[in-house]
Amino acid sequence: MIATTQEHLAFIGTILGIVISTKTIISWNTKKLEENNNKLLQLIDKKLDKITYEKDQLNFKKWSDERDRQLDEKIKKLEVDIKEELKEIKESLKTINTHMINCNKRGVG
């Protein structure tokens, strides 16, 4: 009877060893998978951040280009307005100059 009990104990010990070894291997694999999953999540976050950055950068460039275009239009309009004003001032100065010359010729002034 004792031999049977010892054989049973050896068999149970072997089974327990196999179960514990299997559990350890599964636990180690689970830990490795979690580490890999965390690394992948970090890489995905970095990629998403990069995509968001590029999208924001593109939107900013579009906005900036549109703003520059509008500013260029305003500057061109101002240049045209200033040129017209300068032409009017030049004509007024010519008129004043002519008037002064005519006044000097007549002896007025």
PDB file of N, CA and C in Angstrom:
ATOM      1  N   MET A   1       0.803  -1.195   0.000  1.00  0.00           N
ATOM      2  CA  MET A   1       0.000   0.000   0.000  1.00  0.00           C
ATOM      3  C   MET A   1       0.852   1.268   0.000  1.00  0.00           C
ATOM      4  N   ILE A   2       1.941   1.155   0.690  1.00  0.00           N
ATOM      5  CA  ILE A   2       2.810   2.319   0.772  1.00  0.00           C
ATOM      6  C   ILE A   2       3.388   2.624  -0.599  1.00  0.00           C
ATOM      7  N   ALA A   3       3.738   1.631  -1.350  1.00  0.00           N
ATOM      8  CA  ALA A   3       4.304   1.840  -2.679  1.00  0.00           C
ATOM      9  C   ALA A   3       3.287   2.525  -3.577  1.00  0.00           C
ATOM     10  N   THR A   4       2.040   2.140  -3.470  1.00  0.00           N
ATOM     11  CA  THR A   4       1.007   2.759  -4.291  1.00  0.00           C
ATOM     12  C   THR A   4       0.847   4.226  -3.915  1.00  0.00           C
ATOM     13  N   THR A   5       0.904   4.523  -2.649  1.00  0.00           N
ATOM     14  CA  THR A   5       0.771   5.904  -2.201  1.00  0.00           C
ATOM     15  C   THR A   5       1.965   6.721  -2.684  1.00  0.00           C
ATOM     16  N   GLN A   6       3.140   6.173  -2.614  1.00  0.00           N
ATOM     17  CA  GLN A   6       4.320   6.886  -3.088  1.00  0.00           C
ATOM     18  C   GLN A   6       4.253   7.093  -4.603  1.00  0.00           C
ATOM     19  N   GLU A   7       3.750   6.112  -5.318  1.00  0.00           N
ATOM     20  CA  GLU A   7       3.593   6.269  -6.762  1.00  0.00           C
ATOM     21  C   GLU A   7       2.560   7.351  -7.070  1.00  0.00           C
ATOM     22  N   HIS A   8       1.482   7.337  -6.276  1.00  0.00           N
ATOM     23  CA  HIS A   8       0.463   8.371  -6.461  1.00  0.00           C
ATOM     24  C   HIS A   8       1.046   9.761  -6.158  1.00  0.00           C
ATOM     25  N   LEU A   9       1.816   9.836  -5.092  1.00  0.00           N
ATOM     26  CA  LEU A   9       2.438  11.118  -4.733  1.00  0.00           C
ATOM     27  C   LEU A   9       3.413  11.574  -5.819  1.00  0.00           C
ATOM     28  N   ALA A  10       4.166  10.662  -6.375  1.00  0.00           N
ATOM     29  CA  ALA A  10       5.103  11.004  -7.444  1.00  0.00           C
ATOM     30  C   ALA A  10       4.332  11.471  -8.674  1.00  0.00           C
ATOM     31  N   PHE A  11       3.219  10.755  -8.970  1.00  0.00           N
ATOM     32  CA  PHE A  11       2.397  11.130 -10.122  1.00  0.00           C
ATOM     33  C   PHE A  11       1.769  12.514  -9.911  1.00  0.00           C
ATOM     34  N   ILE A  12       1.245  12.740  -8.706  1.00  0.00           N
ATOM     35  CA  ILE A  12       0.640  14.035  -8.374  1.00  0.00           C
ATOM     36  C   ILE A  12       1.713  15.131  -8.421  1.00  0.00           C
ATOM     37  N   GLY A  13       2.912  14.816  -7.927  1.00  0.00           N
ATOM     38  CA  GLY A  13       4.015  15.783  -7.970  1.00  0.00           C
ATOM     39  C   GLY A  13       4.390  16.136  -9.400  1.00  0.00           C
ATOM     40  N   THR A  14       4.426  15.128 -10.251  1.00  0.00           N
ATOM     41  CA  THR A  14       4.743  15.363 -11.661  1.00  0.00           C
ATOM     42  C   THR A  14       3.666  16.236 -12.304  1.00  0.00           C
ATOM     43  N   ILE A  15       2.411  15.910 -12.050  1.00  0.00           N
ATOM     44  CA  ILE A  15       1.291  16.696 -12.603  1.00  0.00           C
ATOM     45  C   ILE A  15       1.388  18.137 -12.096  1.00  0.00           C
ATOM     46  N   LEU A  16       1.635  18.272 -10.785  1.00  0.00           N
ATOM     47  CA  LEU A  16       1.759  19.605 -10.202  1.00  0.00           C
ATOM     48  C   LEU A  16       2.919  20.363 -10.853  1.00  0.00           C
ATOM     49  N   GLY A  17       4.030  19.701 -11.089  1.00  0.00           N
ATOM     50  CA  GLY A  17       5.184  20.313 -11.743  1.00  0.00           C
ATOM     51  C   GLY A  17       4.835  20.776 -13.150  1.00  0.00           C
ATOM     52  N   ILE A  18       4.105  19.931 -13.869  1.00  0.00           N
ATOM     53  CA  ILE A  18       3.702  20.283 -15.231  1.00  0.00           C
ATOM     54  C   ILE A  18       2.746  21.485 -15.201  1.00  0.00           C
ATOM     55  N   VAL A  19       1.786  21.457 -14.276  1.00  0.00           N
ATOM     56  CA  VAL A  19       0.811  22.552 -14.172  1.00  0.00           C
ATOM     57  C   VAL A  19       1.512  23.858 -13.804  1.00  0.00           C
ATOM     58  N   ILE A  20       2.409  23.783 -12.826  1.00  0.00           N
ATOM     59  CA  ILE A  20       3.130  24.990 -12.396  1.00  0.00           C
ATOM     60  C   ILE A  20       4.021  25.506 -13.520  1.00  0.00           C
ATOM     61  N   SER A  21       4.709  24.605 -14.218  1.00  0.00           N
ATOM     62  CA  SER A  21       5.567  25.018 -15.339  1.00  0.00           C
ATOM     63  C   SER A  21       4.724  25.663 -16.440  1.00  0.00           C
ATOM     64  N   THR A  22       3.575  25.039 -16.742  1.00  0.00           N
ATOM     65  CA  THR A  22       2.687  25.587 -17.769  1.00  0.00           C
ATOM     66  C   THR A  22       2.174  26.962 -17.356  1.00  0.00           C
ATOM     67  N   LYS A  23       1.764  27.091 -16.093  1.00  0.00           N
ATOM     68  CA  LYS A  23       1.265  28.375 -15.589  1.00  0.00           C
ATOM     69  C   LYS A  23       2.364  29.438 -15.654  1.00  0.00           C
ATOM     70  N   THR A  24       3.590  29.054 -15.298  1.00  0.00           N
ATOM     71  CA  THR A  24       4.712  29.995 -15.357  1.00  0.00           C
ATOM     72  C   THR A  24       4.967  30.442 -16.795  1.00  0.00           C
ATOM     73  N   ILE A  25       4.954  29.501 -17.710  1.00  0.00           N
ATOM     74  CA  ILE A  25       5.178  29.833 -19.125  1.00  0.00           C
ATOM     75  C   ILE A  25       4.059  30.741 -19.637  1.00  0.00           C
ATOM     76  N   ILE A  26       2.817  30.403 -19.299  1.00  0.00           N
ATOM     77  CA  ILE A  26       1.679  31.228 -19.733  1.00  0.00           C
ATOM     78  C   ILE A  26       1.778  32.620 -19.117  1.00  0.00           C
ATOM     79  N   SER A  27       2.127  32.686 -17.840  1.00  0.00           N
ATOM     80  CA  SER A  27       2.272  33.980 -17.167  1.00  0.00           C
ATOM     81  C   SER A  27       3.369  34.802 -17.827  1.00  0.00           C
ATOM     82  N   TRP A  28       4.493  34.177 -18.140  1.00  0.00           N
ATOM     83  CA  TRP A  28       5.603  34.872 -18.792  1.00  0.00           C
ATOM     84  C   TRP A  28       5.172  35.376 -20.168  1.00  0.00           C
ATOM     85  N   ASN A  29       4.474  34.515 -20.936  1.00  0.00           N
ATOM     86  CA  ASN A  29       3.988  34.920 -22.260  1.00  0.00           C
ATOM     87  C   ASN A  29       2.983  36.059 -22.152  1.00  0.00           C
ATOM     88  N   THR A  30       2.105  35.998 -21.156  1.00  0.00           N
ATOM     89  CA  THR A  30       1.118  37.064 -20.960  1.00  0.00           C
ATOM     90  C   THR A  30       1.825  38.378 -20.655  1.00  0.00           C
ATOM     91  N   LYS A  31       2.841  38.317 -19.788  1.00  0.00           N
ATOM     92  CA  LYS A  31       3.601  39.515 -19.458  1.00  0.00           C
ATOM     93  C   LYS A  31       4.285  40.073 -20.700  1.00  0.00           C
ATOM     94  N   LYS A  32       4.886  39.205 -21.506  1.00  0.00           N
ATOM     95  CA  LYS A  32       5.557  39.626 -22.735  1.00  0.00           C
ATOM     96  C   LYS A  32       4.549  40.253 -23.693  1.00  0.00           C
ATOM     97  N   LEU A  33       3.371  39.626 -23.825  1.00  0.00           N
ATOM     98  CA  LEU A  33       2.336  40.169 -24.705  1.00  0.00           C
ATOM     99  C   LEU A  33       1.872  41.536 -24.217  1.00  0.00           C
ATOM    100  N   GLU A  34       1.729  41.712 -22.908  1.00  0.00           N
ATOM    101  CA  GLU A  34       1.333  43.009 -22.362  1.00  0.00           C
ATOM    102  C   GLU A  34       2.400  44.069 -22.641  1.00  0.00           C
ATOM    103  N   GLU A  35       3.670  43.686 -22.483  1.00  0.00           N
ATOM    104  CA  GLU A  35       4.760  44.627 -22.783  1.00  0.00           C
ATOM    105  C   GLU A  35       4.736  45.022 -24.259  1.00  0.00           C
ATOM    106  N   ASN A  36       4.587  44.025 -25.128  1.00  0.00           N
ATOM    107  CA  ASN A  36       4.525  44.306 -26.566  1.00  0.00           C
ATOM    108  C   ASN A  36       3.302  45.158 -26.901  1.00  0.00           C
ATOM    109  N   ASN A  37       2.178  44.857 -26.248  1.00  0.00           N
ATOM    110  CA  ASN A  37       0.960  45.633 -26.469  1.00  0.00           C
ATOM    111  C   ASN A  37       1.174  47.094 -26.055  1.00  0.00           C
ATOM    112  N   ASN A  38       1.817  47.299 -24.897  1.00  0.00           N
ATOM    113  CA  ASN A  38       2.104  48.670 -24.438  1.00  0.00           C
ATOM    114  C   ASN A  38       3.031  49.396 -25.406  1.00  0.00           C
ATOM    115  N   LYS A  39       4.044  48.683 -25.912  1.00  0.00           N
ATOM    116  CA  LYS A  39       4.957  49.290 -26.890  1.00  0.00           C
ATOM    117  C   LYS A  39       4.197  49.665 -28.157  1.00  0.00           C
ATOM    118  N   LEU A  40       3.328  48.770 -28.610  1.00  0.00           N
ATOM    119  CA  LEU A  40       2.537  49.062 -29.803  1.00  0.00           C
ATOM    120  C   LEU A  40       1.612  50.256 -29.573  1.00  0.00           C
ATOM    121  N   LEU A  41       0.999  50.322 -28.402  1.00  0.00           N
ATOM    122  CA  LEU A  41       0.126  51.454 -28.083  1.00  0.00           C
ATOM    123  C   LEU A  41       0.911  52.763 -28.089  1.00  0.00           C
ATOM    124  N   GLN A  42       2.131  52.725 -27.552  1.00  0.00           N
ATOM    125  CA  GLN A  42       2.967  53.928 -27.563  1.00  0.00           C
ATOM    126  C   GLN A  42       3.331  54.331 -28.996  1.00  0.00           C
ATOM    127  N   LEU A  43       3.658  53.339 -29.828  1.00  0.00           N
ATOM    128  CA  LEU A  43       3.981  53.634 -31.229  1.00  0.00           C
ATOM    129  C   LEU A  43       2.761  54.206 -31.957  1.00  0.00           C
ATOM    130  N   ILE A  44       1.592  53.647 -31.678  1.00  0.00           N
ATOM    131  CA  ILE A  44       0.357  54.152 -32.290  1.00  0.00           C
ATOM    132  C   ILE A  44       0.108  55.586 -31.839  1.00  0.00           C
ATOM    133  N   ASP A  45       0.296  55.850 -30.539  1.00  0.00           N
ATOM    134  CA  ASP A  45       0.115  57.216 -30.036  1.00  0.00           C
ATOM    135  C   ASP A  45       1.069  58.186 -30.715  1.00  0.00           C
ATOM    136  N   LYS A  46       2.334  57.773 -30.871  1.00  0.00           N
ATOM    137  CA  LYS A  46       3.306  58.631 -31.542  1.00  0.00           C
ATOM    138  C   LYS A  46       2.882  58.887 -32.985  1.00  0.00           C
ATOM    139  N   LYS A  47       2.421  57.825 -33.650  1.00  0.00           N
ATOM    140  CA  LYS A  47       1.988  57.960 -35.047  1.00  0.00           C
ATOM    141  C   LYS A  47       0.776  58.880 -35.135  1.00  0.00           C
ATOM    142  N   LEU A  48      -0.174  58.715 -34.217  1.00  0.00           N
ATOM    143  CA  LEU A  48      -1.354  59.577 -34.198  1.00  0.00           C
ATOM    144  C   LEU A  48      -0.959  61.023 -33.918  1.00  0.00           C
ATOM    145  N   ASP A  49      -0.012  61.209 -32.994  1.00  0.00           N
ATOM    146  CA  ASP A  49       0.483  62.560 -32.712  1.00  0.00           C
ATOM    147  C   ASP A  49       1.116  63.163 -33.961  1.00  0.00           C
ATOM    148  N   LYS A  50       1.877  62.355 -34.676  1.00  0.00           N
ATOM    149  CA  LYS A  50       2.526  62.827 -35.899  1.00  0.00           C
ATOM    150  C   LYS A  50       1.477  63.180 -36.949  1.00  0.00           C
ATOM    151  N   ILE A  51       0.459  62.321 -37.089  1.00  0.00           N
ATOM    152  CA  ILE A  51      -0.604  62.584 -38.062  1.00  0.00           C
ATOM    153  C   ILE A  51      -1.343  63.864 -37.682  1.00  0.00           C
ATOM    154  N   THR A  52      -1.654  64.021 -36.398  1.00  0.00           N
ATOM    155  CA  THR A  52      -2.331  65.227 -35.921  1.00  0.00           C
ATOM    156  C   THR A  52      -1.465  66.443 -36.167  1.00  0.00           C
ATOM    157  N   TYR A  53      -0.176  66.336 -35.879  1.00  0.00           N
ATOM    158  CA  TYR A  53       0.749  67.446 -36.101  1.00  0.00           C
ATOM    159  C   TYR A  53       0.782  67.829 -37.578  1.00  0.00           C
ATOM    160  N   GLU A  54       0.895  66.818 -38.444  1.00  0.00           N
ATOM    161  CA  GLU A  54       0.952  67.091 -39.874  1.00  0.00           C
ATOM    162  C   GLU A  54      -0.357  67.714 -40.361  1.00  0.00           C
ATOM    163  N   LYS A  55      -1.463  67.232 -39.841  1.00  0.00           N
ATOM    164  CA  LYS A  55      -2.767  67.787 -40.210  1.00  0.00           C
ATOM    165  C   LYS A  55      -2.869  69.243 -39.744  1.00  0.00           C
ATOM    166  N   ASP A  56      -2.468  69.492 -38.507  1.00  0.00           N
ATOM    167  CA  ASP A  56      -2.494  70.859 -37.984  1.00  0.00           C
ATOM    168  C   ASP A  56      -1.542  71.761 -38.775  1.00  0.00           C
ATOM    169  N   GLN A  57      -0.394  71.230 -39.109  1.00  0.00           N
ATOM    170  CA  GLN A  57       0.583  72.005 -39.881  1.00  0.00           C
ATOM    171  C   GLN A  57       0.018  72.346 -41.261  1.00  0.00           C
ATOM    172  N   LEU A  58      -0.644  71.388 -41.892  1.00  0.00           N
ATOM    173  CA  LEU A  58      -1.249  71.625 -43.201  1.00  0.00           C
ATOM    174  C   LEU A  58      -2.351  72.679 -43.095  1.00  0.00           C
ATOM    175  N   ASN A  59      -3.195  72.560 -42.073  1.00  0.00           N
ATOM    176  CA  ASN A  59      -4.251  73.557 -41.866  1.00  0.00           C
ATOM    177  C   ASN A  59      -3.668  74.942 -41.619  1.00  0.00           C
ATOM    178  N   PHE A  60      -2.603  75.009 -40.829  1.00  0.00           N
ATOM    179  CA  PHE A  60      -1.953  76.290 -40.567  1.00  0.00           C
ATOM    180  C   PHE A  60      -1.384  76.869 -41.853  1.00  0.00           C
ATOM    181  N   LYS A  61      -0.768  76.018 -42.678  1.00  0.00           N
ATOM    182  CA  LYS A  61      -0.191  76.490 -43.945  1.00  0.00           C
ATOM    183  C   LYS A  61      -1.295  77.031 -44.840  1.00  0.00           C
ATOM    184  N   LYS A  62      -2.421  76.328 -44.919  1.00  0.00           N
ATOM    185  CA  LYS A  62      -3.543  76.819 -45.733  1.00  0.00           C
ATOM    186  C   LYS A  62      -4.026  78.166 -45.202  1.00  0.00           C
ATOM    187  N   TRP A  63      -4.197  78.251 -43.897  1.00  0.00           N
ATOM    188  CA  TRP A  63      -4.655  79.500 -43.284  1.00  0.00           C
ATOM    189  C   TRP A  63      -3.654  80.618 -43.546  1.00  0.00           C
ATOM    190  N   SER A  64      -2.373  80.310 -43.361  1.00  0.00           N
ATOM    191  CA  SER A  64      -1.317  81.296 -43.550  1.00  0.00           C
ATOM    192  C   SER A  64      -1.258  81.757 -45.012  1.00  0.00           C
ATOM    193  N   ASP A  65      -1.375  80.818 -45.942  1.00  0.00           N
ATOM    194  CA  ASP A  65      -1.359  81.177 -47.365  1.00  0.00           C
ATOM    195  C   ASP A  65      -2.544  82.077 -47.713  1.00  0.00           C
ATOM    196  N   GLU A  66      -3.707  81.749 -47.190  1.00  0.00           N
ATOM    197  CA  GLU A  66      -4.899  82.562 -47.443  1.00  0.00           C
ATOM    198  C   GLU A  66      -4.736  83.961 -46.840  1.00  0.00           C
ATOM    199  N   ARG A  67      -4.216  84.010 -45.626  1.00  0.00           N
ATOM    200  CA  ARG A  67      -3.976  85.306 -44.977  1.00  0.00           C
ATOM    201  C   ARG A  67      -2.965  86.125 -45.786  1.00  0.00           C
ATOM    202  N   ASP A  68      -1.894  85.484 -46.244  1.00  0.00           N
ATOM    203  CA  ASP A  68      -0.895  86.185 -47.066  1.00  0.00           C
ATOM    204  C   ASP A  68      -1.508  86.698 -48.365  1.00  0.00           C
ATOM    205  N   ARG A  69      -2.355  85.889 -48.979  1.00  0.00           N
ATOM    206  CA  ARG A  69      -3.021  86.305 -50.215  1.00  0.00           C
ATOM    207  C   ARG A  69      -3.899  87.531 -49.961  1.00  0.00           C
ATOM    208  N   GLN A  70      -4.645  87.494 -48.858  1.00  0.00           N
ATOM    209  CA  GLN A  70      -5.497  88.635 -48.521  1.00  0.00           C
ATOM    210  C   GLN A  70      -4.666  89.882 -48.226  1.00  0.00           C
ATOM    211  N   LEU A  71      -3.573  89.690 -47.514  1.00  0.00           N
ATOM    212  CA  LEU A  71      -2.689  90.827 -47.237  1.00  0.00           C
ATOM    213  C   LEU A  71      -2.089  91.395 -48.519  1.00  0.00           C
ATOM    214  N   ASP A  72      -1.696  90.513 -49.437  1.00  0.00           N
ATOM    215  CA  ASP A  72      -1.151  90.972 -50.715  1.00  0.00           C
ATOM    216  C   ASP A  72      -2.187  91.792 -51.477  1.00  0.00           C
ATOM    217  N   GLU A  73      -3.428  91.321 -51.461  1.00  0.00           N
ATOM    218  CA  GLU A  73      -4.497  92.070 -52.138  1.00  0.00           C
ATOM    219  C   GLU A  73      -4.682  93.449 -51.499  1.00  0.00           C
ATOM    220  N   LYS A  74      -4.675  93.495 -50.176  1.00  0.00           N
ATOM    221  CA  LYS A  74      -4.832  94.781 -49.478  1.00  0.00           C
ATOM    222  C   LYS A  74      -3.661  95.707 -49.778  1.00  0.00           C
ATOM    223  N   ILE A  75      -2.456  95.151 -49.814  1.00  0.00           N
ATOM    224  CA  ILE A  75      -1.264  95.959 -50.103  1.00  0.00           C
ATOM    225  C   ILE A  75      -1.343  96.516 -51.527  1.00  0.00           C
ATOM    226  N   LYS A  76      -1.741  95.668 -52.478  1.00  0.00           N
ATOM    227  CA  LYS A  76      -1.865  96.139 -53.860  1.00  0.00           C
ATOM    228  C   LYS A  76      -2.907  97.250 -53.961  1.00  0.00           C
ATOM    229  N   LYS A  77      -4.029  97.082 -53.266  1.00  0.00           N
ATOM    230  CA  LYS A  77      -5.073  98.109 -53.284  1.00  0.00           C
ATOM    231  C   LYS A  77      -4.541  99.405 -52.681  1.00  0.00           C
ATOM    232  N   LEU A  78      -3.820  99.281 -51.562  1.00  0.00           N
ATOM    233  CA  LEU A  78      -3.227 100.479 -50.947  1.00  0.00           C
ATOM    234  C   LEU A  78      -2.228 101.150 -51.889  1.00  0.00           C
ATOM    235  N   GLU A  79      -1.416 100.362 -52.578  1.00  0.00           N
ATOM    236  CA  GLU A  79      -0.455 100.926 -53.518  1.00  0.00           C
ATOM    237  C   GLU A  79      -1.168 101.703 -54.622  1.00  0.00           C
ATOM    238  N   VAL A  80      -2.254 101.103 -55.129  1.00  0.00           N
ATOM    239  CA  VAL A  80      -3.021 101.780 -56.183  1.00  0.00           C
ATOM    240  C   VAL A  80      -3.615 103.072 -55.631  1.00  0.00           C
ATOM    241  N   ASP A  81      -4.201 102.997 -54.431  1.00  0.00           N
ATOM    242  CA  ASP A  81      -4.797 104.197 -53.819  1.00  0.00           C
ATOM    243  C   ASP A  81      -3.747 105.286 -53.580  1.00  0.00           C
ATOM    244  N   ILE A  82      -2.582 104.879 -53.098  1.00  0.00           N
ATOM    245  CA  ILE A  82      -1.510 105.849 -52.832  1.00  0.00           C
ATOM    246  C   ILE A  82      -1.047 106.483 -54.142  1.00  0.00           C
ATOM    247  N   LYS A  83      -0.893 105.677 -55.199  1.00  0.00           N
ATOM    248  CA  LYS A  83      -0.478 106.213 -56.496  1.00  0.00           C
ATOM    249  C   LYS A  83      -1.501 107.218 -57.005  1.00  0.00           C
ATOM    250  N   GLU A  84      -2.785 106.900 -56.860  1.00  0.00           N
ATOM    251  CA  GLU A  84      -3.831 107.830 -57.297  1.00  0.00           C
ATOM    252  C   GLU A  84      -3.779 109.124 -56.483  1.00  0.00           C
ATOM    253  N   GLU A  85      -3.596 108.985 -55.172  1.00  0.00           N
ATOM    254  CA  GLU A  85      -3.495 110.171 -54.314  1.00  0.00           C
ATOM    255  C   GLU A  85      -2.275 111.013 -54.699  1.00  0.00           C
ATOM    256  N   LEU A  86      -1.151 110.347 -54.974  1.00  0.00           N
ATOM    257  CA  LEU A  86       0.053 111.067 -55.370  1.00  0.00           C
ATOM    258  C   LEU A  86      -0.152 111.783 -56.705  1.00  0.00           C
ATOM    259  N   LYS A  87      -0.870 111.159 -57.633  1.00  0.00           N
ATOM    260  CA  LYS A  87      -1.167 111.809 -58.914  1.00  0.00           C
ATOM    261  C   LYS A  87      -2.011 113.054 -58.675  1.00  0.00           C
ATOM    262  N   GLU A  88      -3.019 112.932 -57.790  1.00  0.00           N
ATOM    263  CA  GLU A  88      -3.866 114.087 -57.482  1.00  0.00           C
ATOM    264  C   GLU A  88      -3.055 115.206 -56.825  1.00  0.00           C
ATOM    265  N   ILE A  89      -2.163 114.799 -55.889  1.00  0.00           N
ATOM    266  CA  ILE A  89      -1.308 115.790 -55.229  1.00  0.00           C
ATOM    267  C   ILE A  89      -0.398 116.462 -56.260  1.00  0.00           C
ATOM    268  N   LYS A  90       0.158 115.675 -57.174  1.00  0.00           N
ATOM    269  CA  LYS A  90       1.050 116.225 -58.213  1.00  0.00           C
ATOM    270  C   LYS A  90       0.281 117.220 -59.084  1.00  0.00           C
ATOM    271  N   GLU A  91      -0.951 116.853 -59.465  1.00  0.00           N
ATOM    272  CA  GLU A  91      -1.764 117.760 -60.278  1.00  0.00           C
ATOM    273  C   GLU A  91      -2.085 119.036 -59.498  1.00  0.00           C
ATOM    274  N   SER A  92      -2.395 118.878 -58.204  1.00  0.00           N
ATOM    275  CA  SER A  92      -2.673 120.053 -57.373  1.00  0.00           C
ATOM    276  C   SER A  92      -1.442 120.935 -57.267  1.00  0.00           C
ATOM    277  N   LEU A  93      -0.264 120.333 -57.099  1.00  0.00           N
ATOM    278  CA  LEU A  93       0.976 121.107 -57.021  1.00  0.00           C
ATOM    279  C   LEU A  93       1.248 121.824 -58.334  1.00  0.00           C
ATOM    280  N   LYS A  94       0.972 121.157 -59.465  1.00  0.00           N
ATOM    281  CA  LYS A  94       1.152 121.798 -60.768  1.00  0.00           C
ATOM    282  C   LYS A  94       0.231 123.014 -60.877  1.00  0.00           C
ATOM    283  N   THR A  95      -1.019 122.821 -60.433  1.00  0.00           N
ATOM    284  CA  THR A  95      -1.983 123.927 -60.495  1.00  0.00           C
ATOM    285  C   THR A  95      -1.522 125.075 -59.610  1.00  0.00           C
ATOM    286  N   ILE A  96      -1.078 124.749 -58.408  1.00  0.00           N
ATOM    287  CA  ILE A  96      -0.593 125.787 -57.481  1.00  0.00           C
ATOM    288  C   ILE A  96       0.628 126.476 -58.078  1.00  0.00           C
ATOM    289  N   ASN A  97       1.554 125.684 -58.621  1.00  0.00           N
ATOM    290  CA  ASN A  97       2.774 126.241 -59.220  1.00  0.00           C
ATOM    291  C   ASN A  97       2.421 127.161 -60.395  1.00  0.00           C
ATOM    292  N   THR A  98       1.512 126.712 -61.254  1.00  0.00           N
ATOM    293  CA  THR A  98       1.084 127.530 -62.390  1.00  0.00           C
ATOM    294  C   THR A  98       0.446 128.819 -61.900  1.00  0.00           C
ATOM    295  N   HIS A  99      -0.399 128.709 -60.896  1.00  0.00           N
ATOM    296  CA  HIS A  99      -1.064 129.882 -60.344  1.00  0.00           C
ATOM    297  C   HIS A  99      -0.031 130.871 -59.769  1.00  0.00           C
ATOM    298  N   MET A 100       0.966 130.343 -59.045  1.00  0.00           N
ATOM    299  CA  MET A 100       1.996 131.213 -58.466  1.00  0.00           C
ATOM    300  C   MET A 100       2.819 131.888 -59.569  1.00  0.00           C
ATOM    301  N   ILE A 101       3.132 131.129 -60.627  1.00  0.00           N
ATOM    302  CA  ILE A 101       3.912 131.704 -61.731  1.00  0.00           C
ATOM    303  C   ILE A 101       3.098 132.807 -62.407  1.00  0.00           C
ATOM    304  N   ASN A 102       1.810 132.568 -62.613  1.00  0.00           N
ATOM    305  CA  ASN A 102       0.949 133.557 -63.234  1.00  0.00           C
ATOM    306  C   ASN A 102       0.824 134.796 -62.342  1.00  0.00           C
ATOM    307  N   CYS A 103       0.754 134.570 -61.042  1.00  0.00           N
ATOM    308  CA  CYS A 103       0.654 135.695 -60.114  1.00  0.00           C
ATOM    309  C   CYS A 103       1.948 136.508 -60.149  1.00  0.00           C
ATOM    310  N   ASN A 104       3.091 135.853 -60.216  1.00  0.00           N
ATOM    311  CA  ASN A 104       4.384 136.554 -60.271  1.00  0.00           C
ATOM    312  C   ASN A 104       4.515 137.322 -61.577  1.00  0.00           C
ATOM    313  N   LYS A 105       3.994 136.771 -62.665  1.00  0.00           N
ATOM    314  CA  LYS A 105       4.082 137.463 -63.960  1.00  0.00           C
ATOM    315  C   LYS A 105       3.226 138.714 -63.937  1.00  0.00           C
ATOM    316  N   ARG A 106       2.109 138.677 -63.263  1.00  0.00           N
ATOM    317  CA  ARG A 106       1.219 139.840 -63.215  1.00  0.00           C
ATOM    318  C   ARG A 106       1.666 140.827 -62.156  1.00  0.00           C
ATOM    319  N   GLY A 107       2.608 140.383 -61.327  1.00  0.00           N
ATOM    320  CA  GLY A 107       3.089 141.284 -60.292  1.00  0.00           C
ATOM    321  C   GLY A 107       2.248 141.229 -59.043  1.00  0.00           C
ATOM    322  N   VAL A 108       1.439 140.262 -58.917  1.00  0.00           N
ATOM    323  CA  VAL A 108       0.621 140.128 -57.703  1.00  0.00           C
ATOM    324  C   VAL A 108       1.426 139.285 -56.723  1.00  0.00           C
ATOM    325  N   GLY A 109       1.394 139.681 -55.488  1.00  0.00           N
ATOM    326  CA  GLY A 109       2.013 138.832 -54.485  1.00  0.00           C
ATOM    327  C   GLY A 109       3.246 139.299 -53.993  1.00  0.00           C
TER     328      GLY A 109
END
